Structures are given as C-alpha cells and as structure tokens.
Protein backbone atom coordinates (compact mmCIF):
# COMPACT_ATOMS: atom_id res chain seq x y z
CA MET A 1 4.35 6.47 19.74
CA ALA A 2 6.94 9.22 19.33
CA LEU A 3 9.14 9.05 16.27
CA ARG A 4 12.76 8.10 16.82
CA PRO A 5 15.33 10.92 16.71
CA ASN A 6 18.43 10.80 14.51
CA LEU A 7 16.94 8.75 11.69
CA HIS A 8 19.26 7.37 9.02
CA PRO A 9 17.03 5.94 6.27
CA GLY A 10 19.84 5.93 3.68
CA GLU A 11 19.13 3.94 0.53
CA PHE A 12 15.94 2.54 2.09
CA LEU A 13 14.24 5.87 1.31
CA LEU A 14 13.93 5.66 -2.44
CA SER A 15 14.15 8.87 -4.45
CA LEU A 16 13.63 8.99 -8.20
CA PRO A 17 14.01 12.17 -10.25
CA ASP A 18 10.96 13.12 -12.29
CA GLU A 19 12.94 12.72 -15.50
CA ALA A 20 13.54 9.04 -14.71
CA GLY A 21 10.00 8.41 -15.87
CA ARG A 22 8.58 4.93 -15.57
CA VAL A 23 11.26 2.57 -14.34
CA ALA A 24 11.80 -1.17 -14.00
CA LEU A 25 11.01 -1.43 -10.30
CA ALA A 26 12.50 -4.89 -9.94
CA GLY A 27 15.85 -3.41 -10.98
CA ILE A 28 15.83 -1.26 -7.86
CA PHE A 29 16.33 -4.43 -5.86
CA GLY A 30 18.84 -6.10 -8.16
CA ASN A 31 16.62 -9.09 -8.94
CA ASP A 32 13.51 -10.05 -10.89
CA HIS A 33 11.29 -10.94 -7.93
CA PRO A 34 7.67 -9.79 -8.07
CA VAL A 35 7.08 -6.28 -6.70
CA GLU A 36 4.17 -5.18 -4.51
CA LEU A 37 3.15 -1.63 -3.59
CA GLU A 38 1.57 -0.30 -0.41
CA ILE A 39 -0.06 3.13 -0.59
CA GLY A 40 -0.08 4.94 2.74
CA SER A 41 2.59 3.08 4.69
CA GLY A 42 2.56 5.26 7.80
CA LYS A 43 5.27 4.08 10.18
CA GLY A 44 5.95 1.02 8.03
CA THR A 45 4.44 -1.71 10.21
CA PHE A 46 2.78 -3.57 7.35
CA VAL A 47 5.51 -3.21 4.75
CA LEU A 48 8.13 -4.40 7.25
CA ALA A 49 6.04 -7.39 8.32
CA ILE A 50 5.21 -8.56 4.82
CA ALA A 51 8.78 -8.03 3.61
CA GLU A 52 10.08 -10.14 6.50
CA ALA A 53 7.50 -12.86 5.87
CA THR A 54 7.92 -12.92 2.08
CA PRO A 55 11.62 -12.64 1.17
CA GLN A 56 10.96 -13.92 -2.34
CA ARG A 57 9.08 -10.71 -3.14
CA ASN A 58 10.00 -7.02 -3.16
CA PHE A 59 7.94 -4.23 -1.62
CA ILE A 60 7.64 -0.48 -2.04
CA GLY A 61 5.69 1.65 0.42
CA ILE A 62 4.54 5.18 -0.40
CA GLU A 63 3.91 7.68 2.40
CA TYR A 64 2.94 11.33 1.96
CA ALA A 65 4.11 12.49 5.41
CA ARG A 66 7.88 12.93 5.23
CA ALA A 67 8.45 12.23 8.94
CA TYR A 68 6.66 8.91 8.72
CA ALA A 69 8.35 7.98 5.43
CA GLU A 70 11.78 8.59 6.94
CA PHE A 71 10.85 6.72 10.10
CA ALA A 72 9.60 3.71 8.12
CA ALA A 73 12.66 3.68 5.87
CA ASP A 74 14.94 3.85 8.91
CA ARG A 75 12.96 0.96 10.37
CA LEU A 76 13.65 -1.10 7.26
CA ARG A 77 17.34 -0.24 7.52
CA ARG A 78 17.53 -1.27 11.17
CA HIS A 79 15.91 -4.59 10.31
CA GLU A 80 18.20 -5.00 7.26
CA GLN A 81 15.09 -5.58 5.15
CA THR A 82 16.70 -5.27 1.75
CA ASN A 83 13.61 -6.39 -0.18
CA ALA A 84 11.68 -3.24 0.78
CA ARG A 85 11.91 0.51 0.16
CA LEU A 86 9.93 3.57 1.22
CA VAL A 87 9.02 6.53 -0.96
CA HIS A 88 8.04 10.01 0.23
CA ALA A 89 5.56 11.22 -2.38
CA GLU A 90 1.96 11.84 -3.31
CA ALA A 91 0.91 8.35 -4.32
CA SER A 92 -1.26 9.00 -7.38
CA TRP A 93 1.40 11.21 -8.96
CA TRP A 94 4.26 8.80 -8.16
CA VAL A 95 2.39 5.86 -9.66
CA ARG A 96 1.59 7.76 -12.86
CA CYS A 97 5.14 9.08 -13.15
CA HIS A 98 7.25 6.07 -12.21
CA VAL A 99 5.35 2.76 -12.35
CA ALA A 100 5.46 0.98 -15.69
CA ASP A 101 2.62 -1.03 -17.20
CA ALA A 102 2.12 -4.50 -15.66
CA ALA A 103 4.90 -3.86 -13.13
CA LEU A 104 3.23 -4.99 -9.91
CA ALA A 105 1.95 -8.23 -8.43
CA ALA A 106 -0.22 -6.46 -5.86
CA VAL A 107 -1.37 -3.05 -4.63
CA HIS A 108 -2.28 -2.64 -0.95
CA VAL A 109 -4.42 0.26 0.31
CA TYR A 110 -5.22 0.02 4.01
CA PHE A 111 -7.19 2.64 5.95
CA PRO A 112 -6.85 5.48 3.45
CA ASP A 113 -7.99 8.94 4.50
CA PRO A 114 -11.82 8.77 4.29
CA TRP A 115 -12.32 12.51 3.75
CA PRO A 116 -15.70 12.17 5.50
CA LYS A 117 -17.22 15.56 4.59
CA ALA A 118 -19.30 15.36 1.40
CA ARG A 119 -17.52 18.31 -0.19
CA HIS A 120 -14.20 16.47 0.24
CA HIS A 121 -15.26 13.10 -1.24
CA LYS A 122 -13.55 14.01 -4.50
CA ARG A 123 -10.24 13.81 -2.63
CA ARG A 124 -10.69 10.15 -1.81
CA LEU A 125 -8.11 7.90 -3.43
CA VAL A 126 -10.41 5.10 -4.59
CA GLN A 127 -12.10 6.66 -7.61
CA PRO A 128 -12.51 5.47 -11.23
CA PRO A 129 -9.23 7.09 -12.44
CA PHE A 130 -7.31 5.33 -9.66
CA LEU A 131 -8.78 1.95 -10.62
CA LYS A 132 -7.73 2.54 -14.22
CA GLU A 133 -4.18 3.17 -13.03
CA VAL A 134 -4.29 0.05 -10.87
CA HIS A 135 -5.38 -1.99 -13.88
CA ARG A 136 -2.51 -0.51 -15.88
CA ILE A 137 0.21 -1.24 -13.32
CA LEU A 138 -0.95 -4.70 -12.24
CA GLN A 139 0.36 -7.81 -13.91
CA PRO A 140 -2.25 -10.29 -15.17
CA GLY A 141 -3.42 -12.11 -12.07
CA GLY A 142 -2.29 -9.26 -9.82
CA VAL A 143 -4.55 -8.04 -7.03
CA LEU A 144 -5.75 -4.85 -5.37
CA ARG A 145 -6.54 -5.12 -1.64
CA LEU A 146 -8.64 -2.46 0.08
CA VAL A 147 -9.42 -2.15 3.81
CA THR A 148 -11.21 0.68 5.61
CA ASP A 149 -12.96 1.32 8.89
CA HIS A 150 -15.21 3.93 7.28
CA ALA A 151 -18.56 2.44 6.19
CA ASP A 152 -19.49 5.26 3.79
CA TYR A 153 -16.12 5.12 2.06
CA PHE A 154 -16.48 1.36 1.69
CA VAL A 155 -19.83 1.87 -0.02
CA GLN A 156 -18.05 4.12 -2.51
CA MET A 157 -15.26 1.55 -2.98
CA GLU A 158 -17.79 -1.17 -3.74
CA ARG A 159 -19.68 1.13 -6.12
CA VAL A 160 -16.68 2.17 -8.20
CA LEU A 161 -15.51 -1.44 -8.36
CA ALA A 162 -18.96 -2.54 -9.53
CA GLU A 163 -19.10 0.18 -12.18
CA GLN A 164 -15.81 -0.80 -13.86
CA GLN A 165 -15.14 -3.95 -15.90
CA GLU A 166 -11.35 -4.25 -15.92
CA LEU A 167 -10.84 -5.73 -12.44
CA GLN A 168 -12.76 -8.71 -11.07
CA VAL A 169 -13.96 -8.49 -7.46
CA VAL A 170 -13.00 -11.61 -5.52
CA PRO A 171 -13.20 -12.68 -1.84
CA PHE A 172 -10.70 -10.88 0.37
CA GLU A 173 -7.65 -12.84 1.48
CA SER A 174 -5.18 -11.54 4.06
CA PRO A 175 -1.81 -10.93 2.38
CA VAL A 176 0.34 -12.10 5.29
CA ALA A 177 0.11 -14.50 8.21
CA LEU A 178 -0.58 -12.36 11.27
CA LYS A 179 1.80 -12.46 14.21
CA ALA A 180 0.80 -14.30 17.37
CA ASP A 181 0.34 -11.04 19.30
CA ALA A 182 -2.03 -9.54 16.71
CA PRO A 183 -5.29 -8.40 18.36
CA GLU A 184 -8.46 -10.36 17.71
CA GLY A 185 -10.10 -8.99 14.59
CA SER A 186 -6.85 -8.20 12.78
CA ILE A 187 -6.77 -8.81 9.04
CA VAL A 188 -3.68 -6.96 7.78
CA GLY A 189 -1.71 -5.96 10.89
CA THR A 190 -1.17 -2.22 10.40
CA ASN A 191 -0.73 0.35 13.16
CA PHE A 192 -4.08 1.92 12.30
CA GLU A 193 -5.73 -1.48 12.53
CA ARG A 194 -4.42 -2.02 16.08
CA LYS A 195 -5.59 1.46 17.07
CA TYR A 196 -9.04 0.98 15.58
CA ILE A 197 -9.48 -2.47 17.16
CA ALA A 198 -8.76 -0.89 20.55
CA GLU A 199 -11.44 1.71 19.78
CA GLY A 200 -13.95 -1.00 18.90
CA ARG A 201 -14.28 -0.11 15.24
CA SER A 202 -15.30 -2.66 12.62
CA PHE A 203 -13.47 -3.15 9.31
CA HIS A 204 -14.57 -3.52 5.71
CA ALA A 205 -12.36 -5.28 3.16
CA THR A 206 -12.52 -6.16 -0.50
CA MET A 207 -10.16 -7.40 -3.18
CA ALA A 208 -10.07 -7.25 -6.96
CA ARG A 209 -7.96 -9.20 -9.45
CA LYS A 210 -6.74 -8.30 -12.93
CA PRO A 211 -7.78 -11.16 -15.22
CA GLY A 212 -5.12 -13.15 -16.98
C-alpha cells in the first residue's frame, strides 16, 4: 500500500522536547483514563482499531520510521480518534526519557524486527533491560503483550521472561475484538499479521503481568 500524499498529522503526532523529561501521559489527553503503549505501530492499523474499540482508554503508538509515523498520525486525525497519538522516535530511548513510573496499563509489542543474524541478536528489543523498563512503567496489574512470527526470537522472549522475576507470565489474551473481515488466524489485527497470514506463517504469542 502506497502512503498517502499531503499528510497533515497535526497534534496527533506527539512531540516532546527532551527537557520535558518524564511526563504525566494521561495529561496529554486531558483526562485520567488509563494509557496503553504500542511499540512499532507501522501504519497505525492496531492503534487505530483499539482506540476506536476502547474509547475509555488512551493510546500512544511509537514508530521509528518517520513516514509511517506521520501516516499513522494522519490516519488518527482523519478518523478523529482523539484518544490516540503517534510518536516518531526510537522506542527504548523515548520510554526511558518520557514515561514515568507506573504510567501504563499495557505495553503492546507486535512483530518486532527479529534481527535474525546471530551477530545482530543484541539489537532485538526484548532483552532483560527492556523487561526492567516495562516493569517500571507498568501499573500494578498492567500487562505486556508480545507477538512474533519468528520462532527463534520467540524462544529468546520466553527465555528472558523465564529468567526474570518481576513480571508473571500468563496466558495470552487478545487485546481487542477482531473485526469481522479479519483473516482466519488473526490474534491482534496488525498489517504485518495480515501479510504473514497470507504468506502462511504461524504466530507465537505470550503475555506477562506486573503483580499487584
């Protein structure tokens, strides 16, 4: 799918100066509704769908590719989805810089870059330091959801989850009711998921909860 020309993301593309530090994310939306974060939003399919389905919650999507971040933010604007924002940033840095302790009800990570070559595994997002940050930013009872099509990466995800003691691994639950036209095998409804279903790939999913 080609990206739309003449994008106008406006206030739906959230920009925070570094000096703002860790902020009260709920204040961005003008209410105290729970806030959820998606890392790697792509064209915004998931964050738009869950924001539409769950108006009593707020959502922030982080996307490293500027073109996709602007496209997704413009998509939110066109749908007048005021309970969601997009951020163009490197996710690990943005979380450390701007997300306060116990600020989030959920963190969603769907189909992250698997960095399949062994020498690149250190670049994978789901590592022990990332899980420590997730524990810090989740509220008690908050959840981390992970989905990948890459079997080796999933083995690593399960290993690092097993080796830490701050988050409790629990059965995976889909975060949103899937639309009627979702392909068979869908669990979260992202663009990558649709693409991978068409290619016949299988998915691996896990979830962890912060006790409390």
